Amino acid sequence: MAGKITVTKAEGTWVVRAGGAVLGESRDALELCEDGYPPVIYFPRDDIAMAFLDETDHRTHCPHKGDASYFSIVTKSRTLDNVVWSYETPEEGVARIKGYLAFQPSDFVTVEKV
């Protein structure tokens, strides 16, 4: 069972890159902390270059956050499948993340404070 979840403003400026290219930069990002998991930065959709994201049919459900929809990142050299997610109708306790996007860090995707 998941523990407490908090959503707060992520202080400072945050950037997300895929394959070295900047997909977005935001001073309005949110940080979601869930007991037992590393913090996740959520970016406002308006701060992301949505032209590089393709929505997929992949969906997951979290009893604490709701139903997540997924996007793939399309770069010049590859497609990174289902590495971006969003809660369009999140549960009441995390309603602030509605419409925000989170990115799965990897060798090709980085999320960092600048």
PDB file of N, CA and C in Angstrom:
ATOM      1  N   MET A   1       0.844  -1.182   0.000  1.00  0.00           N
ATOM      2  CA  MET A   1       0.000   0.000   0.000  1.00  0.00           C
ATOM      3  C   MET A   1       0.880   1.233   0.000  1.00  0.00           C
ATOM      4  N   ALA A   2       0.572   2.194  -0.821  1.00  0.00           N
ATOM      5  CA  ALA A   2       1.351   3.432  -0.893  1.00  0.00           C
ATOM      6  C   ALA A   2       1.073   4.273   0.334  1.00  0.00           C
ATOM      7  N   GLY A   3       2.090   5.047   0.711  1.00  0.00           N
ATOM      8  CA  GLY A   3       1.943   5.947   1.837  1.00  0.00           C
ATOM      9  C   GLY A   3       1.469   7.299   1.384  1.00  0.00           C
ATOM     10  N   LYS A   4       1.860   8.277   2.138  1.00  0.00           N
ATOM     11  CA  LYS A   4       1.439   9.649   1.885  1.00  0.00           C
ATOM     12  C   LYS A   4       1.991  10.184   0.558  1.00  0.00           C
ATOM     13  N   ILE A   5       1.158  10.960  -0.142  1.00  0.00           N
ATOM     14  CA  ILE A   5       1.563  11.627  -1.379  1.00  0.00           C
ATOM     15  C   ILE A   5       1.409  13.127  -1.166  1.00  0.00           C
ATOM     16  N   THR A   6       2.461  13.876  -1.513  1.00  0.00           N
ATOM     17  CA  THR A   6       2.388  15.333  -1.449  1.00  0.00           C
ATOM     18  C   THR A   6       2.752  15.909  -2.810  1.00  0.00           C
ATOM     19  N   VAL A   7       2.127  17.026  -3.140  1.00  0.00           N
ATOM     20  CA  VAL A   7       2.420  17.749  -4.380  1.00  0.00           C
ATOM     21  C   VAL A   7       2.727  19.187  -3.984  1.00  0.00           C
ATOM     22  N   THR A   8       3.940  19.631  -4.336  1.00  0.00           N
ATOM     23  CA  THR A   8       4.366  20.983  -4.011  1.00  0.00           C
ATOM     24  C   THR A   8       5.000  21.624  -5.240  1.00  0.00           C
ATOM     25  N   LYS A   9       5.125  22.939  -5.199  1.00  0.00           N
ATOM     26  CA  LYS A   9       5.821  23.636  -6.278  1.00  0.00           C
ATOM     27  C   LYS A   9       7.278  23.208  -6.254  1.00  0.00           C
ATOM     28  N   ALA A  10       7.811  22.855  -7.414  1.00  0.00           N
ATOM     29  CA  ALA A  10       9.237  22.504  -7.529  1.00  0.00           C
ATOM     30  C   ALA A  10      10.003  23.824  -7.651  1.00  0.00           C
ATOM     31  N   GLU A  11      10.785  24.138  -6.672  1.00  0.00           N
ATOM     32  CA  GLU A  11      11.501  25.415  -6.653  1.00  0.00           C
ATOM     33  C   GLU A  11      12.523  25.495  -7.777  1.00  0.00           C
ATOM     34  N   GLY A  12      12.670  26.675  -8.348  1.00  0.00           N
ATOM     35  CA  GLY A  12      13.672  26.913  -9.371  1.00  0.00           C
ATOM     36  C   GLY A  12      13.163  26.599 -10.764  1.00  0.00           C
ATOM     37  N   THR A  13      14.110  26.491 -11.684  1.00  0.00           N
ATOM     38  CA  THR A  13      13.810  26.199 -13.088  1.00  0.00           C
ATOM     39  C   THR A  13      14.189  24.756 -13.382  1.00  0.00           C
ATOM     40  N   TRP A  14      13.275  24.038 -14.025  1.00  0.00           N
ATOM     41  CA  TRP A  14      13.482  22.633 -14.372  1.00  0.00           C
ATOM     42  C   TRP A  14      13.479  22.480 -15.878  1.00  0.00           C
ATOM     43  N   VAL A  15      14.304  21.563 -16.374  1.00  0.00           N
ATOM     44  CA  VAL A  15      14.395  21.308 -17.808  1.00  0.00           C
ATOM     45  C   VAL A  15      14.296  19.800 -18.053  1.00  0.00           C
ATOM     46  N   VAL A  16      13.671  19.435 -19.173  1.00  0.00           N
ATOM     47  CA  VAL A  16      13.627  18.039 -19.604  1.00  0.00           C
ATOM     48  C   VAL A  16      14.247  17.981 -20.990  1.00  0.00           C
ATOM     49  N   ARG A  17      15.130  16.986 -21.171  1.00  0.00           N
ATOM     50  CA  ARG A  17      15.809  16.792 -22.452  1.00  0.00           C
ATOM     51  C   ARG A  17      15.608  15.343 -22.909  1.00  0.00           C
ATOM     52  N   ALA A  18      15.567  15.182 -24.224  1.00  0.00           N
ATOM     53  CA  ALA A  18      15.531  13.838 -24.814  1.00  0.00           C
ATOM     54  C   ALA A  18      16.582  13.811 -25.899  1.00  0.00           C
ATOM     55  N   GLY A  19      17.515  12.881 -25.785  1.00  0.00           N
ATOM     56  CA  GLY A  19      18.587  12.788 -26.766  1.00  0.00           C
ATOM     57  C   GLY A  19      19.396  14.076 -26.848  1.00  0.00           C
ATOM     58  N   GLY A  20      19.480  14.816 -25.755  1.00  0.00           N
ATOM     59  CA  GLY A  20      20.233  16.066 -25.709  1.00  0.00           C
ATOM     60  C   GLY A  20      19.436  17.289 -26.102  1.00  0.00           C
ATOM     61  N   ALA A  21      18.294  17.124 -26.776  1.00  0.00           N
ATOM     62  CA  ALA A  21      17.463  18.264 -27.188  1.00  0.00           C
ATOM     63  C   ALA A  21      16.530  18.666 -26.046  1.00  0.00           C
ATOM     64  N   VAL A  22      16.376  19.948 -25.839  1.00  0.00           N
ATOM     65  CA  VAL A  22      15.475  20.440 -24.798  1.00  0.00           C
ATOM     66  C   VAL A  22      14.032  20.309 -25.274  1.00  0.00           C
ATOM     67  N   LEU A  23      13.227  19.570 -24.494  1.00  0.00           N
ATOM     68  CA  LEU A  23      11.795  19.424 -24.787  1.00  0.00           C
ATOM     69  C   LEU A  23      10.975  20.460 -24.043  1.00  0.00           C
ATOM     70  N   GLY A  24      11.530  20.948 -22.938  1.00  0.00           N
ATOM     71  CA  GLY A  24      10.790  21.926 -22.167  1.00  0.00           C
ATOM     72  C   GLY A  24      11.605  22.459 -21.012  1.00  0.00           C
ATOM     73  N   GLU A  25      11.192  23.645 -20.573  1.00  0.00           N
ATOM     74  CA  GLU A  25      11.814  24.299 -19.426  1.00  0.00           C
ATOM     75  C   GLU A  25      10.702  25.012 -18.670  1.00  0.00           C
ATOM     76  N   SER A  26      10.712  24.909 -17.344  1.00  0.00           N
ATOM     77  CA  SER A  26       9.615  25.493 -16.579  1.00  0.00           C
ATOM     78  C   SER A  26      10.060  26.001 -15.220  1.00  0.00           C
ATOM     79  N   ARG A  27       9.465  27.116 -14.838  1.00  0.00           N
ATOM     80  CA  ARG A  27       9.584  27.628 -13.475  1.00  0.00           C
ATOM     81  C   ARG A  27       8.303  27.303 -12.697  1.00  0.00           C
ATOM     82  N   ASP A  28       7.369  26.606 -13.345  1.00  0.00           N
ATOM     83  CA  ASP A  28       6.079  26.282 -12.741  1.00  0.00           C
ATOM     84  C   ASP A  28       5.881  24.777 -12.558  1.00  0.00           C
ATOM     85  N   ALA A  29       6.973  24.025 -12.501  1.00  0.00           N
ATOM     86  CA  ALA A  29       6.883  22.572 -12.336  1.00  0.00           C
ATOM     87  C   ALA A  29       6.398  22.229 -10.928  1.00  0.00           C
ATOM     88  N   LEU A  30       5.856  21.037 -10.797  1.00  0.00           N
ATOM     89  CA  LEU A  30       5.413  20.512  -9.511  1.00  0.00           C
ATOM     90  C   LEU A  30       6.243  19.286  -9.150  1.00  0.00           C
ATOM     91  N   GLU A  31       6.432  19.075  -7.862  1.00  0.00           N
ATOM     92  CA  GLU A  31       7.134  17.885  -7.382  1.00  0.00           C
ATOM     93  C   GLU A  31       6.152  17.012  -6.620  1.00  0.00           C
ATOM     94  N   LEU A  32       6.014  15.769  -7.081  1.00  0.00           N
ATOM     95  CA  LEU A  32       5.161  14.801  -6.405  1.00  0.00           C
ATOM     96  C   LEU A  32       6.054  13.850  -5.634  1.00  0.00           C
ATOM     97  N   CYS A  33       5.819  13.767  -4.328  1.00  0.00           N
ATOM     98  CA  CYS A  33       6.570  12.840  -3.466  1.00  0.00           C
ATOM     99  C   CYS A  33       5.594  11.801  -2.925  1.00  0.00           C
ATOM    100  N   GLU A  34       5.943  10.549  -3.153  1.00  0.00           N
ATOM    101  CA  GLU A  34       5.129   9.426  -2.700  1.00  0.00           C
ATOM    102  C   GLU A  34       6.021   8.498  -1.899  1.00  0.00           C
ATOM    103  N   ASP A  35       5.602   8.183  -0.659  1.00  0.00           N
ATOM    104  CA  ASP A  35       6.409   7.325   0.201  1.00  0.00           C
ATOM    105  C   ASP A  35       6.856   6.071  -0.541  1.00  0.00           C
ATOM    106  N   GLY A  36       8.159   5.778  -0.476  1.00  0.00           N
ATOM    107  CA  GLY A  36       8.704   4.579  -1.088  1.00  0.00           C
ATOM    108  C   GLY A  36       9.173   4.760  -2.521  1.00  0.00           C
ATOM    109  N   TYR A  37       8.991   5.961  -3.079  1.00  0.00           N
ATOM    110  CA  TYR A  37       9.380   6.226  -4.467  1.00  0.00           C
ATOM    111  C   TYR A  37      10.192   7.516  -4.546  1.00  0.00           C
ATOM    112  N   PRO A  38      11.077   7.621  -5.545  1.00  0.00           N
ATOM    113  CA  PRO A  38      11.791   8.895  -5.713  1.00  0.00           C
ATOM    114  C   PRO A  38      10.818   9.996  -6.148  1.00  0.00           C
ATOM    115  N   PRO A  39      11.112  11.253  -5.814  1.00  0.00           N
ATOM    116  CA  PRO A  39      10.243  12.352  -6.246  1.00  0.00           C
ATOM    117  C   PRO A  39      10.140  12.405  -7.772  1.00  0.00           C
ATOM    118  N   VAL A  40       8.987  12.855  -8.265  1.00  0.00           N
ATOM    119  CA  VAL A  40       8.741  12.985  -9.700  1.00  0.00           C
ATOM    120  C   VAL A  40       8.389  14.438  -9.982  1.00  0.00           C
ATOM    121  N   ILE A  41       9.042  15.010 -11.009  1.00  0.00           N
ATOM    122  CA  ILE A  41       8.763  16.372 -11.431  1.00  0.00           C
ATOM    123  C   ILE A  41       7.715  16.336 -12.538  1.00  0.00           C
ATOM    124  N   TYR A  42       6.680  17.135 -12.371  1.00  0.00           N
ATOM    125  CA  TYR A  42       5.606  17.267 -13.361  1.00  0.00           C
ATOM    126  C   TYR A  42       5.687  18.648 -13.994  1.00  0.00           C
ATOM    127  N   PHE A  43       5.693  18.678 -15.335  1.00  0.00           N
ATOM    128  CA  PHE A  43       5.814  19.916 -16.098  1.00  0.00           C
ATOM    129  C   PHE A  43       4.454  20.353 -16.629  1.00  0.00           C
ATOM    130  N   PRO A  44       4.151  21.663 -16.576  1.00  0.00           N
ATOM    131  CA  PRO A  44       2.926  22.133 -17.229  1.00  0.00           C
ATOM    132  C   PRO A  44       3.004  21.834 -18.729  1.00  0.00           C
ATOM    133  N   ARG A  45       1.929  21.379 -19.281  1.00  0.00           N
ATOM    134  CA  ARG A  45       1.906  21.010 -20.697  1.00  0.00           C
ATOM    135  C   ARG A  45       2.305  22.181 -21.595  1.00  0.00           C
ATOM    136  N   ASP A  46       1.927  23.404 -21.208  1.00  0.00           N
ATOM    137  CA  ASP A  46       2.265  24.586 -22.015  1.00  0.00           C
ATOM    138  C   ASP A  46       3.769  24.845 -22.095  1.00  0.00           C
ATOM    139  N   ASP A  47       4.541  24.263 -21.191  1.00  0.00           N
ATOM    140  CA  ASP A  47       5.997  24.466 -21.176  1.00  0.00           C
ATOM    141  C   ASP A  47       6.756  23.381 -21.932  1.00  0.00           C
ATOM    142  N   ILE A  48       6.041  22.453 -22.542  1.00  0.00           N
ATOM    143  CA  ILE A  48       6.654  21.317 -23.250  1.00  0.00           C
ATOM    144  C   ILE A  48       6.397  21.438 -24.755  1.00  0.00           C
ATOM    145  N   ALA A  49       7.399  21.108 -25.556  1.00  0.00           N
ATOM    146  CA  ALA A  49       7.251  21.089 -27.020  1.00  0.00           C
ATOM    147  C   ALA A  49       6.456  19.838 -27.395  1.00  0.00           C
ATOM    148  N   MET A  50       5.130  19.982 -27.394  1.00  0.00           N
ATOM    149  CA  MET A  50       4.241  18.844 -27.609  1.00  0.00           C
ATOM    150  C   MET A  50       4.389  18.227 -29.002  1.00  0.00           C
ATOM    151  N   ALA A  51       4.978  18.943 -29.951  1.00  0.00           N
ATOM    152  CA  ALA A  51       5.175  18.409 -31.299  1.00  0.00           C
ATOM    153  C   ALA A  51       6.070  17.168 -31.282  1.00  0.00           C
ATOM    154  N   PHE A  52       6.863  16.987 -30.215  1.00  0.00           N
ATOM    155  CA  PHE A  52       7.759  15.831 -30.121  1.00  0.00           C
ATOM    156  C   PHE A  52       7.129  14.655 -29.385  1.00  0.00           C
ATOM    157  N   LEU A  53       5.888  14.822 -28.930  1.00  0.00           N
ATOM    158  CA  LEU A  53       5.209  13.766 -28.184  1.00  0.00           C
ATOM    159  C   LEU A  53       4.048  13.213 -28.993  1.00  0.00           C
ATOM    160  N   ASP A  54       3.929  11.896 -28.995  1.00  0.00           N
ATOM    161  CA  ASP A  54       2.800  11.213 -29.622  1.00  0.00           C
ATOM    162  C   ASP A  54       2.059  10.435 -28.554  1.00  0.00           C
ATOM    163  N   GLU A  55       0.763  10.718 -28.386  1.00  0.00           N
ATOM    164  CA  GLU A  55      -0.023   9.971 -27.408  1.00  0.00           C
ATOM    165  C   GLU A  55      -0.158   8.523 -27.873  1.00  0.00           C
ATOM    166  N   THR A  56      -0.060   7.600 -26.923  1.00  0.00           N
ATOM    167  CA  THR A  56      -0.183   6.174 -27.235  1.00  0.00           C
ATOM    168  C   THR A  56      -1.469   5.623 -26.623  1.00  0.00           C
ATOM    169  N   ASP A  57      -1.747   4.361 -26.882  1.00  0.00           N
ATOM    170  CA  ASP A  57      -2.924   3.702 -26.304  1.00  0.00           C
ATOM    171  C   ASP A  57      -2.641   3.150 -24.907  1.00  0.00           C
ATOM    172  N   HIS A  58      -1.394   3.217 -24.466  1.00  0.00           N
ATOM    173  CA  HIS A  58      -1.003   2.650 -23.169  1.00  0.00           C
ATOM    174  C   HIS A  58      -1.667   3.423 -22.031  1.00  0.00           C
ATOM    175  N   ARG A  59      -2.208   2.707 -21.060  1.00  0.00           N
ATOM    176  CA  ARG A  59      -2.826   3.302 -19.877  1.00  0.00           C
ATOM    177  C   ARG A  59      -2.452   2.470 -18.666  1.00  0.00           C
ATOM    178  N   THR A  60      -2.353   3.145 -17.517  1.00  0.00           N
ATOM    179  CA  THR A  60      -2.169   2.441 -16.249  1.00  0.00           C
ATOM    180  C   THR A  60      -3.099   3.072 -15.221  1.00  0.00           C
ATOM    181  N   HIS A  61      -3.286   2.368 -14.119  1.00  0.00           N
ATOM    182  CA  HIS A  61      -4.130   2.885 -13.043  1.00  0.00           C
ATOM    183  C   HIS A  61      -3.376   2.827 -11.723  1.00  0.00           C
ATOM    184  N   CYS A  62      -3.405   3.911 -10.990  1.00  0.00           N
ATOM    185  CA  CYS A  62      -2.875   3.974  -9.629  1.00  0.00           C
ATOM    186  C   CYS A  62      -4.058   4.290  -8.716  1.00  0.00           C
ATOM    187  N   PRO A  63      -4.270   3.497  -7.679  1.00  0.00           N
ATOM    188  CA  PRO A  63      -5.416   3.764  -6.808  1.00  0.00           C
ATOM    189  C   PRO A  63      -5.313   5.100  -6.067  1.00  0.00           C
ATOM    190  N   HIS A  64      -4.122   5.666  -6.006  1.00  0.00           N
ATOM    191  CA  HIS A  64      -3.919   6.917  -5.274  1.00  0.00           C
ATOM    192  C   HIS A  64      -3.870   8.150  -6.175  1.00  0.00           C
ATOM    193  N   LYS A  65      -3.537   7.935  -7.455  1.00  0.00           N
ATOM    194  CA  LYS A  65      -3.426   9.070  -8.381  1.00  0.00           C
ATOM    195  C   LYS A  65      -4.463   9.021  -9.489  1.00  0.00           C
ATOM    196  N   GLY A  66      -4.937   7.862  -9.862  1.00  0.00           N
ATOM    197  CA  GLY A  66      -5.942   7.738 -10.913  1.00  0.00           C
ATOM    198  C   GLY A  66      -5.404   7.050 -12.144  1.00  0.00           C
ATOM    199  N   ASP A  67      -6.018   7.340 -13.292  1.00  0.00           N
ATOM    200  CA  ASP A  67      -5.649   6.720 -14.562  1.00  0.00           C
ATOM    201  C   ASP A  67      -4.640   7.594 -15.294  1.00  0.00           C
ATOM    202  N   ALA A  68      -3.542   6.990 -15.720  1.00  0.00           N
ATOM    203  CA  ALA A  68      -2.491   7.706 -16.449  1.00  0.00           C
ATOM    204  C   ALA A  68      -2.566   7.364 -17.928  1.00  0.00           C
ATOM    205  N   SER A  69      -2.433   8.394 -18.747  1.00  0.00           N
ATOM    206  CA  SER A  69      -2.279   8.199 -20.182  1.00  0.00           C
ATOM    207  C   SER A  69      -0.820   8.457 -20.521  1.00  0.00           C
ATOM    208  N   TYR A  70      -0.357   7.875 -21.629  1.00  0.00           N
ATOM    209  CA  TYR A  70       1.076   7.891 -21.951  1.00  0.00           C
ATOM    210  C   TYR A  70       1.352   8.489 -23.315  1.00  0.00           C
ATOM    211  N   PHE A  71       2.580   8.976 -23.455  1.00  0.00           N
ATOM    212  CA  PHE A  71       3.090   9.541 -24.698  1.00  0.00           C
ATOM    213  C   PHE A  71       4.460   8.946 -24.980  1.00  0.00           C
ATOM    214  N   SER A  72       4.791   8.859 -26.247  1.00  0.00           N
ATOM    215  CA  SER A  72       6.146   8.512 -26.668  1.00  0.00           C
ATOM    216  C   SER A  72       6.825   9.795 -27.131  1.00  0.00           C
ATOM    217  N   ILE A  73       8.144   9.847 -26.960  1.00  0.00           N
ATOM    218  CA  ILE A  73       8.929  10.968 -27.466  1.00  0.00           C
ATOM    219  C   ILE A  73       9.535  10.548 -28.789  1.00  0.00           C
ATOM    220  N   VAL A  74       9.345  11.383 -29.810  1.00  0.00           N
ATOM    221  CA  VAL A  74       9.880  11.105 -31.139  1.00  0.00           C
ATOM    222  C   VAL A  74      11.057  12.052 -31.376  1.00  0.00           C
ATOM    223  N   THR A  75      12.271  11.474 -31.467  1.00  0.00           N
ATOM    224  CA  THR A  75      13.466  12.264 -31.753  1.00  0.00           C
ATOM    225  C   THR A  75      13.902  11.972 -33.185  1.00  0.00           C
ATOM    226  N   LYS A  76      14.950  12.637 -33.617  1.00  0.00           N
ATOM    227  CA  LYS A  76      15.467  12.401 -34.977  1.00  0.00           C
ATOM    228  C   LYS A  76      15.930  10.966 -35.167  1.00  0.00           C
ATOM    229  N   SER A  77      16.472  10.374 -34.092  1.00  0.00           N
ATOM    230  CA  SER A  77      17.090   9.059 -34.242  1.00  0.00           C
ATOM    231  C   SER A  77      16.275   7.887 -33.688  1.00  0.00           C
ATOM    232  N   ARG A  78      15.251   8.176 -32.877  1.00  0.00           N
ATOM    233  CA  ARG A  78      14.505   7.063 -32.272  1.00  0.00           C
ATOM    234  C   ARG A  78      13.180   7.536 -31.701  1.00  0.00           C
ATOM    235  N   THR A  79      12.347   6.553 -31.380  1.00  0.00           N
ATOM    236  CA  THR A  79      11.107   6.811 -30.648  1.00  0.00           C
ATOM    237  C   THR A  79      11.245   6.157 -29.284  1.00  0.00           C
ATOM    238  N   LEU A  80      11.010   6.931 -28.259  1.00  0.00           N
ATOM    239  CA  LEU A  80      11.088   6.453 -26.878  1.00  0.00           C
ATOM    240  C   LEU A  80       9.661   6.183 -26.413  1.00  0.00           C
ATOM    241  N   ASP A  81       9.286   4.912 -26.413  1.00  0.00           N
ATOM    242  CA  ASP A  81       7.896   4.521 -26.169  1.00  0.00           C
ATOM    243  C   ASP A  81       7.476   4.687 -24.712  1.00  0.00           C
ATOM    244  N   ASN A  82       6.328   5.325 -24.536  1.00  0.00           N
ATOM    245  CA  ASN A  82       5.634   5.400 -23.243  1.00  0.00           C
ATOM    246  C   ASN A  82       6.511   5.917 -22.099  1.00  0.00           C
ATOM    247  N   VAL A  83       7.315   6.939 -22.354  1.00  0.00           N
ATOM    248  CA  VAL A  83       8.205   7.477 -21.317  1.00  0.00           C
ATOM    249  C   VAL A  83       7.668   8.767 -20.700  1.00  0.00           C
ATOM    250  N   VAL A  84       6.484   9.184 -21.140  1.00  0.00           N
ATOM    251  CA  VAL A  84       5.838  10.386 -20.613  1.00  0.00           C
ATOM    252  C   VAL A  84       4.427   9.997 -20.194  1.00  0.00           C
ATOM    253  N   TRP A  85       3.994  10.501 -19.019  1.00  0.00           N
ATOM    254  CA  TRP A  85       2.629  10.192 -18.599  1.00  0.00           C
ATOM    255  C   TRP A  85       1.951  11.421 -18.018  1.00  0.00           C
ATOM    256  N   SER A  86       0.627  11.333 -18.004  1.00  0.00           N
ATOM    257  CA  SER A  86      -0.194  12.440 -17.532  1.00  0.00           C
ATOM    258  C   SER A  86      -1.456  11.886 -16.884  1.00  0.00           C
ATOM    259  N   TYR A  87      -1.915  12.550 -15.842  1.00  0.00           N
ATOM    260  CA  TYR A  87      -3.184  12.215 -15.202  1.00  0.00           C
ATOM    261  C   TYR A  87      -4.188  13.293 -15.584  1.00  0.00           C
ATOM    262  N   GLU A  88      -5.103  12.952 -16.481  1.00  0.00           N
ATOM    263  CA  GLU A  88      -6.082  13.934 -16.956  1.00  0.00           C
ATOM    264  C   GLU A  88      -7.223  14.138 -15.965  1.00  0.00           C
ATOM    265  N   THR A  89      -7.523  13.114 -15.203  1.00  0.00           N
ATOM    266  CA  THR A  89      -8.550  13.223 -14.160  1.00  0.00           C
ATOM    267  C   THR A  89      -8.011  12.582 -12.880  1.00  0.00           C
ATOM    268  N   PRO A  90      -7.024  13.226 -12.245  1.00  0.00           N
ATOM    269  CA  PRO A  90      -6.397  12.632 -11.062  1.00  0.00           C
ATOM    270  C   PRO A  90      -7.350  12.584  -9.866  1.00  0.00           C
ATOM    271  N   GLU A  91      -6.987  11.751  -8.921  1.00  0.00           N
ATOM    272  CA  GLU A  91      -7.740  11.676  -7.672  1.00  0.00           C
ATOM    273  C   GLU A  91      -7.647  13.017  -6.943  1.00  0.00           C
ATOM    274  N   GLU A  92      -8.615  13.280  -6.095  1.00  0.00           N
ATOM    275  CA  GLU A  92      -8.739  14.571  -5.422  1.00  0.00           C
ATOM    276  C   GLU A  92      -7.466  14.999  -4.685  1.00  0.00           C
ATOM    277  N   GLY A  93      -6.788  14.080  -4.024  1.00  0.00           N
ATOM    278  CA  GLY A  93      -5.609  14.423  -3.231  1.00  0.00           C
ATOM    279  C   GLY A  93      -4.414  14.892  -4.043  1.00  0.00           C
ATOM    280  N   VAL A  94      -4.420  14.623  -5.350  1.00  0.00           N
ATOM    281  CA  VAL A  94      -3.312  15.042  -6.224  1.00  0.00           C
ATOM    282  C   VAL A  94      -3.827  15.853  -7.409  1.00  0.00           C
ATOM    283  N   ALA A  95      -4.947  16.530  -7.225  1.00  0.00           N
ATOM    284  CA  ALA A  95      -5.607  17.252  -8.310  1.00  0.00           C
ATOM    285  C   ALA A  95      -4.706  18.276  -8.986  1.00  0.00           C
ATOM    286  N   ARG A  96      -3.690  18.770  -8.293  1.00  0.00           N
ATOM    287  CA  ARG A  96      -2.793  19.786  -8.871  1.00  0.00           C
ATOM    288  C   ARG A  96      -2.038  19.284 -10.097  1.00  0.00           C
ATOM    289  N   ILE A  97      -1.859  17.962 -10.253  1.00  0.00           N
ATOM    290  CA  ILE A  97      -1.079  17.445 -11.386  1.00  0.00           C
ATOM    291  C   ILE A  97      -1.923  17.263 -12.647  1.00  0.00           C
ATOM    292  N   LYS A  98      -3.193  17.624 -12.593  1.00  0.00           N
ATOM    293  CA  LYS A  98      -4.067  17.472 -13.764  1.00  0.00           C
ATOM    294  C   LYS A  98      -3.471  18.212 -14.954  1.00  0.00           C
ATOM    295  N   GLY A  99      -3.297  17.475 -16.064  1.00  0.00           N
ATOM    296  CA  GLY A  99      -2.793  18.080 -17.285  1.00  0.00           C
ATOM    297  C   GLY A  99      -1.294  18.314 -17.313  1.00  0.00           C
ATOM    298  N   TYR A 100      -0.598  17.998 -16.243  1.00  0.00           N
ATOM    299  CA  TYR A 100       0.865  18.116 -16.221  1.00  0.00           C
ATOM    300  C   TYR A 100       1.465  16.835 -16.793  1.00  0.00           C
ATOM    301  N   LEU A 101       2.721  16.904 -17.192  1.00  0.00           N
ATOM    302  CA  LEU A 101       3.420  15.760 -17.781  1.00  0.00           C
ATOM    303  C   LEU A 101       4.626  15.382 -16.944  1.00  0.00           C
ATOM    304  N   ALA A 102       4.818  14.082 -16.755  1.00  0.00           N
ATOM    305  CA  ALA A 102       6.000  13.558 -16.068  1.00  0.00           C
ATOM    306  C   ALA A 102       6.788  12.712 -17.068  1.00  0.00           C
ATOM    307  N   PHE A 103       8.105  12.679 -16.873  1.00  0.00           N
ATOM    308  CA  PHE A 103       9.012  12.008 -17.802  1.00  0.00           C
ATOM    309  C   PHE A 103       9.830  10.964 -17.050  1.00  0.00           C
ATOM    310  N   GLN A 104       9.957   9.774 -17.643  1.00  0.00           N
ATOM    311  CA  GLN A 104      10.764   8.706 -17.055  1.00  0.00           C
ATOM    312  C   GLN A 104      12.228   8.930 -17.400  1.00  0.00           C
ATOM    313  N   PRO A 105      13.053   9.286 -16.410  1.00  0.00           N
ATOM    314  CA  PRO A 105      14.483   9.480 -16.700  1.00  0.00           C
ATOM    315  C   PRO A 105      15.144   8.175 -17.162  1.00  0.00           C
ATOM    316  N   SER A 106      16.091   8.321 -18.076  1.00  0.00           N
ATOM    317  CA  SER A 106      16.819   7.170 -18.612  1.00  0.00           C
ATOM    318  C   SER A 106      18.120   7.674 -19.219  1.00  0.00           C
ATOM    319  N   ASP A 107      18.800   6.804 -19.965  1.00  0.00           N
ATOM    320  CA  ASP A 107      20.005   7.237 -20.671  1.00  0.00           C
ATOM    321  C   ASP A 107      19.684   8.283 -21.735  1.00  0.00           C
ATOM    322  N   PHE A 108      18.420   8.353 -22.174  1.00  0.00           N
ATOM    323  CA  PHE A 108      18.027   9.245 -23.263  1.00  0.00           C
ATOM    324  C   PHE A 108      17.161  10.408 -22.807  1.00  0.00           C
ATOM    325  N   VAL A 109      16.592  10.319 -21.597  1.00  0.00           N
ATOM    326  CA  VAL A 109      15.715  11.366 -21.079  1.00  0.00           C
ATOM    327  C   VAL A 109      16.259  11.833 -19.734  1.00  0.00           C
ATOM    328  N   THR A 110      16.460  13.154 -19.608  1.00  0.00           N
ATOM    329  CA  THR A 110      16.930  13.715 -18.345  1.00  0.00           C
ATOM    330  C   THR A 110      15.975  14.800 -17.877  1.00  0.00           C
ATOM    331  N   VAL A 111      15.772  14.839 -16.575  1.00  0.00           N
ATOM    332  CA  VAL A 111      14.982  15.876 -15.913  1.00  0.00           C
ATOM    333  C   VAL A 111      15.895  16.452 -14.842  1.00  0.00           C
ATOM    334  N   GLU A 112      16.147  17.760 -14.934  1.00  0.00           N
ATOM    335  CA  GLU A 112      17.065  18.340 -13.951  1.00  0.00           C
ATOM    336  C   GLU A 112      16.742  19.787 -13.665  1.00  0.00           C
ATOM    337  N   LYS A 113      17.154  20.191 -12.473  1.00  0.00           N
ATOM    338  CA  LYS A 113      17.038  21.584 -12.056  1.00  0.00           C
ATOM    339  C   LYS A 113      18.231  22.328 -12.612  1.00  0.00           C
ATOM    340  N   VAL A 114      17.992  23.503 -13.216  1.00  0.00           N
ATOM    341  CA  VAL A 114      19.094  24.291 -13.805  1.00  0.00           C
ATOM    342  C   VAL A 114      19.249  25.609 -13.061  1.00  0.00           C
TER     343      VAL A 114
END
